[in-house]
Protein backbone atom coordinates (compact mmCIF):
# COMPACT_ATOMS: atom_id res chain seq x y z
CA MET A 1 -6.16 -45.75 -40.07
CA GLU A 2 -6.34 -49.32 -41.33
CA ARG A 3 -9.78 -50.24 -42.63
CA MET A 4 -10.46 -53.55 -40.90
CA SER A 5 -12.35 -53.38 -37.59
CA LEU A 6 -15.76 -53.23 -39.28
CA GLN A 7 -14.66 -54.57 -42.64
CA ASN A 8 -17.59 -55.04 -45.03
CA LYS A 9 -20.23 -54.15 -42.46
CA VAL A 10 -22.97 -52.03 -44.02
CA ALA A 11 -24.03 -48.93 -42.09
CA ILE A 12 -26.92 -46.56 -42.69
CA ILE A 13 -26.36 -43.11 -41.21
CA THR A 14 -29.39 -40.84 -41.15
CA GLY A 15 -28.69 -37.13 -41.02
CA ALA A 16 -25.21 -37.70 -42.36
CA THR A 17 -24.71 -34.08 -43.41
CA GLY A 18 -25.59 -32.49 -40.05
CA GLY A 19 -23.26 -31.40 -37.28
CA LEU A 20 -22.41 -34.91 -36.09
CA GLY A 21 -23.01 -37.05 -39.18
CA PRO A 22 -19.81 -36.36 -41.16
CA ALA A 23 -17.55 -37.36 -38.26
CA VAL A 24 -19.50 -40.59 -37.74
CA ALA A 25 -19.47 -41.36 -41.46
CA GLU A 26 -15.73 -40.80 -41.72
CA ARG A 27 -14.99 -42.92 -38.66
CA LEU A 28 -17.11 -45.88 -39.78
CA TYR A 29 -15.70 -45.65 -43.30
CA ASN A 30 -12.17 -45.75 -41.92
CA GLU A 31 -13.14 -48.80 -39.87
CA GLY A 32 -14.13 -50.59 -43.09
CA CYS A 33 -17.87 -49.98 -43.38
CA LYS A 34 -19.82 -49.60 -46.57
CA LEU A 35 -22.12 -46.62 -46.09
CA THR A 36 -25.55 -45.33 -46.99
CA LEU A 37 -25.79 -41.65 -46.06
CA THR A 38 -29.10 -39.80 -45.95
CA TYR A 39 -29.40 -36.08 -46.58
CA MET A 40 -32.12 -33.49 -47.08
CA LYS A 41 -30.31 -30.64 -48.87
CA GLU A 42 -28.00 -31.43 -51.77
CA ASN A 43 -25.77 -28.44 -51.03
CA ARG A 44 -24.95 -30.02 -47.67
CA LEU A 45 -23.20 -32.97 -49.31
CA SER A 46 -20.07 -30.83 -49.52
CA VAL A 47 -19.57 -31.16 -45.75
CA LEU A 48 -18.77 -34.85 -46.20
CA PRO A 49 -15.11 -35.87 -46.47
CA ASP A 50 -13.92 -35.98 -50.09
CA GLN A 51 -12.94 -39.63 -49.88
CA LEU A 52 -16.53 -40.60 -49.10
CA ILE A 53 -17.95 -38.52 -51.93
CA LYS A 54 -15.55 -40.09 -54.44
CA ASP A 55 -15.88 -43.73 -53.33
CA SER A 56 -19.06 -44.72 -55.18
CA ASN A 57 -18.26 -48.42 -54.74
CA ASN A 58 -18.54 -48.26 -50.96
CA VAL A 59 -20.66 -45.16 -50.29
CA ILE A 60 -24.08 -44.07 -51.55
CA SER A 61 -25.99 -40.93 -50.63
CA VAL A 62 -29.80 -41.01 -50.57
CA HIS A 63 -32.07 -37.99 -50.45
CA ALA A 64 -34.69 -38.80 -47.82
CA ASP A 65 -37.02 -37.23 -45.29
CA VAL A 66 -36.74 -39.89 -42.60
CA THR A 67 -39.82 -38.60 -40.81
CA LYS A 68 -41.73 -40.28 -43.68
CA GLU A 69 -42.38 -44.00 -43.70
CA ASP A 70 -42.00 -44.42 -47.46
CA ASP A 71 -38.70 -42.52 -47.56
CA VAL A 72 -37.26 -44.68 -44.78
CA ALA A 73 -38.26 -47.87 -46.60
CA GLU A 74 -36.62 -46.54 -49.77
CA VAL A 75 -33.35 -45.88 -47.92
CA PHE A 76 -33.24 -49.49 -46.81
CA ASN A 77 -34.30 -50.80 -50.21
CA LYS A 78 -31.52 -48.88 -51.95
CA THR A 79 -29.02 -50.12 -49.37
CA ILE A 80 -30.01 -53.76 -49.90
CA GLU A 81 -29.93 -53.26 -53.67
CA LYS A 82 -26.38 -51.87 -53.49
CA PHE A 83 -24.81 -53.85 -50.64
CA SER A 84 -27.18 -56.85 -50.12
CA THR A 85 -27.50 -56.38 -46.37
CA VAL A 86 -27.70 -53.92 -43.46
CA SER A 87 -25.50 -54.39 -40.41
CA ILE A 88 -25.61 -51.03 -38.62
CA LEU A 89 -28.05 -48.15 -38.22
CA CYS A 90 -26.94 -44.82 -36.76
CA ASN A 91 -29.94 -42.58 -36.10
CA ILE A 92 -28.10 -39.26 -36.19
CA VAL A 93 -30.80 -37.06 -37.69
CA GLY A 94 -32.46 -34.72 -35.21
CA ASP A 95 -33.41 -31.14 -34.47
CA TYR A 96 -33.17 -28.67 -31.62
CA MET A 97 -35.45 -26.02 -30.16
CA ASP A 98 -34.14 -22.99 -28.30
CA PRO A 99 -35.26 -22.80 -24.65
CA VAL A 100 -38.80 -21.45 -24.41
CA PRO A 101 -41.46 -21.37 -21.66
CA PHE A 102 -43.76 -24.38 -21.83
CA THR A 103 -46.83 -22.24 -22.51
CA ASP A 104 -45.09 -20.66 -25.51
CA ILE A 105 -44.42 -23.96 -27.28
CA SER A 106 -46.44 -24.06 -30.49
CA TYR A 107 -48.09 -27.22 -31.71
CA ASP A 108 -45.91 -27.12 -34.83
CA GLY A 109 -42.78 -26.72 -32.70
CA TRP A 110 -43.80 -29.63 -30.48
CA LYS A 111 -44.61 -31.83 -33.45
CA ASN A 112 -41.33 -30.99 -35.18
CA MET A 113 -39.33 -32.05 -32.11
CA MET A 114 -41.21 -35.36 -31.90
CA ASP A 115 -40.99 -36.01 -35.62
CA ARG A 116 -37.34 -35.14 -36.13
CA ASN A 117 -35.95 -36.67 -32.94
CA LEU A 118 -38.25 -39.56 -32.02
CA THR A 119 -40.34 -40.59 -35.02
CA THR A 120 -37.18 -40.84 -37.13
CA CYS A 121 -35.72 -43.31 -34.62
CA PHE A 122 -38.95 -45.32 -34.53
CA LEU A 123 -39.28 -45.61 -38.31
CA ALA A 124 -35.63 -46.36 -39.06
CA SER A 125 -35.20 -48.76 -36.13
CA ARG A 126 -38.32 -50.70 -37.07
CA GLU A 127 -37.11 -51.06 -40.66
CA ALA A 128 -33.59 -52.00 -39.52
CA ILE A 129 -34.77 -54.73 -37.16
CA LEU A 130 -36.94 -56.25 -39.88
CA ARG A 131 -33.85 -56.45 -42.12
CA MET A 132 -31.39 -57.54 -39.40
CA LYS A 133 -33.31 -60.18 -37.47
CA ASP A 134 -32.65 -63.01 -39.92
CA ASN A 135 -28.91 -62.25 -39.83
CA ASN A 136 -28.61 -62.69 -36.04
CA TYR A 137 -26.45 -59.57 -36.03
CA GLY A 138 -27.14 -55.88 -35.96
CA ARG A 139 -26.23 -52.63 -34.27
CA ILE A 140 -28.54 -49.65 -33.75
CA ILE A 141 -27.23 -46.46 -32.17
CA ASN A 142 -29.56 -43.59 -31.33
CA ILE A 143 -28.84 -40.05 -30.16
CA SER A 144 -30.60 -38.86 -27.02
CA ALA A 145 -29.44 -35.76 -25.12
CA LYS A 146 -28.67 -34.49 -21.63
CA PRO A 147 -32.10 -32.77 -21.26
CA GLY A 148 -33.72 -36.10 -22.16
CA ILE A 149 -32.05 -37.71 -19.13
CA TYR A 150 -32.11 -34.83 -16.65
CA PRO A 151 -35.11 -32.52 -17.25
CA GLU A 152 -34.36 -28.85 -17.73
CA ALA A 153 -36.79 -25.95 -17.48
CA ARG A 154 -37.84 -24.33 -20.76
CA ARG A 155 -36.75 -27.34 -22.80
CA GLY A 156 -40.03 -29.22 -22.72
CA ALA A 157 -40.48 -30.34 -26.33
CA TYR A 158 -36.84 -31.12 -27.02
CA GLY A 159 -36.35 -32.83 -23.66
CA VAL A 160 -39.48 -34.98 -23.99
CA ALA A 161 -38.49 -36.04 -27.52
CA LYS A 162 -34.99 -37.02 -26.42
CA ALA A 163 -36.39 -38.77 -23.33
CA GLY A 164 -38.53 -40.74 -25.76
CA VAL A 165 -35.40 -41.76 -27.65
CA ALA A 166 -33.86 -42.99 -24.40
CA PHE A 167 -37.01 -44.94 -23.47
CA LEU A 168 -37.30 -46.44 -26.97
CA THR A 169 -33.67 -47.53 -26.80
CA ARG A 170 -34.08 -49.28 -23.44
CA MET A 171 -37.34 -50.92 -24.49
CA LEU A 172 -35.90 -52.23 -27.76
CA GLY A 173 -32.83 -53.50 -25.95
CA MET A 174 -35.09 -55.62 -23.74
CA GLU A 175 -37.37 -56.77 -26.55
CA PHE A 176 -34.55 -57.92 -28.82
CA LYS A 177 -32.01 -59.22 -26.35
CA ARG A 178 -30.48 -62.56 -27.40
CA SER A 179 -31.32 -61.75 -31.03
CA GLY A 180 -27.79 -60.69 -31.95
CA ILE A 181 -29.07 -57.13 -32.41
CA THR A 182 -28.03 -54.54 -29.85
CA ILE A 183 -29.71 -51.16 -29.49
CA ASN A 184 -27.95 -48.39 -27.57
CA ALA A 185 -28.02 -44.61 -27.37
CA ILE A 186 -25.64 -41.81 -26.56
CA ALA A 187 -26.82 -38.74 -24.65
CA PRO A 188 -24.45 -35.83 -25.36
CA SER A 189 -24.46 -32.46 -23.69
CA ILE A 190 -23.55 -29.63 -26.08
CA ILE A 191 -21.79 -30.89 -29.18
CA LYS A 192 -18.95 -28.72 -30.44
CA THR A 193 -20.27 -28.07 -33.94
CA PRO A 194 -19.79 -24.88 -36.00
CA ASP A 195 -23.44 -23.92 -35.47
CA ASN A 196 -23.10 -24.22 -31.70
CA GLU A 197 -19.73 -22.47 -31.65
CA SER A 198 -21.39 -19.45 -33.27
CA TRP A 199 -23.21 -18.68 -30.01
CA GLY A 200 -21.11 -20.44 -27.39
CA ASP A 201 -18.82 -19.00 -24.72
CA PRO A 202 -15.22 -19.76 -25.74
CA GLN A 203 -14.34 -20.63 -22.14
CA GLU A 204 -17.19 -23.14 -21.90
CA MET A 205 -16.56 -24.67 -25.32
CA ARG A 206 -13.45 -26.34 -23.92
CA TYR A 207 -15.79 -28.66 -22.01
CA TRP A 208 -18.16 -29.51 -24.83
CA VAL A 209 -18.10 -32.95 -26.38
CA THR A 210 -16.74 -33.11 -29.94
CA PRO A 211 -18.24 -34.98 -32.91
CA GLU A 212 -15.04 -37.04 -33.08
CA GLN A 213 -15.41 -38.16 -29.46
CA LEU A 214 -18.98 -39.24 -30.12
CA ALA A 215 -17.90 -41.00 -33.31
CA ASP A 216 -15.38 -43.00 -31.25
CA ILE A 217 -18.16 -44.21 -28.94
CA ILE A 218 -20.43 -45.04 -31.86
CA ALA A 219 -17.68 -46.99 -33.63
CA PHE A 220 -17.10 -49.06 -30.50
CA LEU A 221 -20.83 -49.80 -30.12
CA CYS A 222 -20.88 -51.03 -33.73
CA LYS A 223 -18.24 -53.69 -33.16
CA GLU A 224 -18.81 -57.32 -32.27
CA SER A 225 -16.76 -56.80 -29.10
CA SER A 226 -19.52 -54.52 -27.75
CA ASP A 227 -22.20 -57.22 -27.77
CA SER A 228 -22.46 -57.22 -23.97
CA ILE A 229 -23.76 -53.63 -24.07
CA ASN A 230 -27.45 -53.47 -24.94
CA GLY A 231 -30.34 -51.16 -24.10
CA GLU A 232 -27.99 -48.61 -22.57
CA VAL A 233 -28.07 -44.81 -22.76
CA ILE A 234 -24.48 -43.63 -22.42
CA GLU A 235 -24.02 -40.18 -20.96
CA ALA A 236 -21.38 -38.17 -22.84
CA PHE A 237 -21.48 -34.79 -21.15
CA GLY A 238 -17.81 -33.81 -21.29
CA GLY A 239 -17.31 -31.12 -18.66
CA VAL A 240 -20.80 -29.64 -18.98
CA LYS A 241 -22.65 -29.60 -15.67
């Protein structure tokens, strides 16, 4: 693929070594982006495509817990130091909780869902907007989820956290319209990652959305041609009911 559509745009991808992050990183890199990739465990860096690991001129990896304000600021500081600007933020980091009755949700489980899914978006988006607003251009893409749009029983903490991501996205889209910054989210159903495939029904997996399909949507939302789309939560359910 020719590297030109997002040539020299600078993208921060949080959670770059998770189930979705590597596909998004590879797609934006192939579109011409310079990348800052956050990770928590060093042994997970091996899931990134080799070309990204080797290209130290255009890609940096930053160890960061993006539930922490200071870590998020450091990610942006290192990005500015290396690339001078920030054009795109992809809030990919997140976490999932298995279905559980509401009365069985622990405080720690509830807090983890809010921290990993919603607080991360708040902290990184706030920092991104502060850096982008003087440039009159920016793209922020968040990840919500199907249970955050259509409530499901036994998915209280996860669903509320992802609903918060959807609300935050719509609110920011309204607050920063006409600024040149657009803020959108994607709400997938089940993503076809190795972890999910380990428990999934092979017949149903055919209808799951793939990381590559989501990366295609994200890449489009990052481009200047998408500037008419703002404050939207795009449902990407595949064939999942």
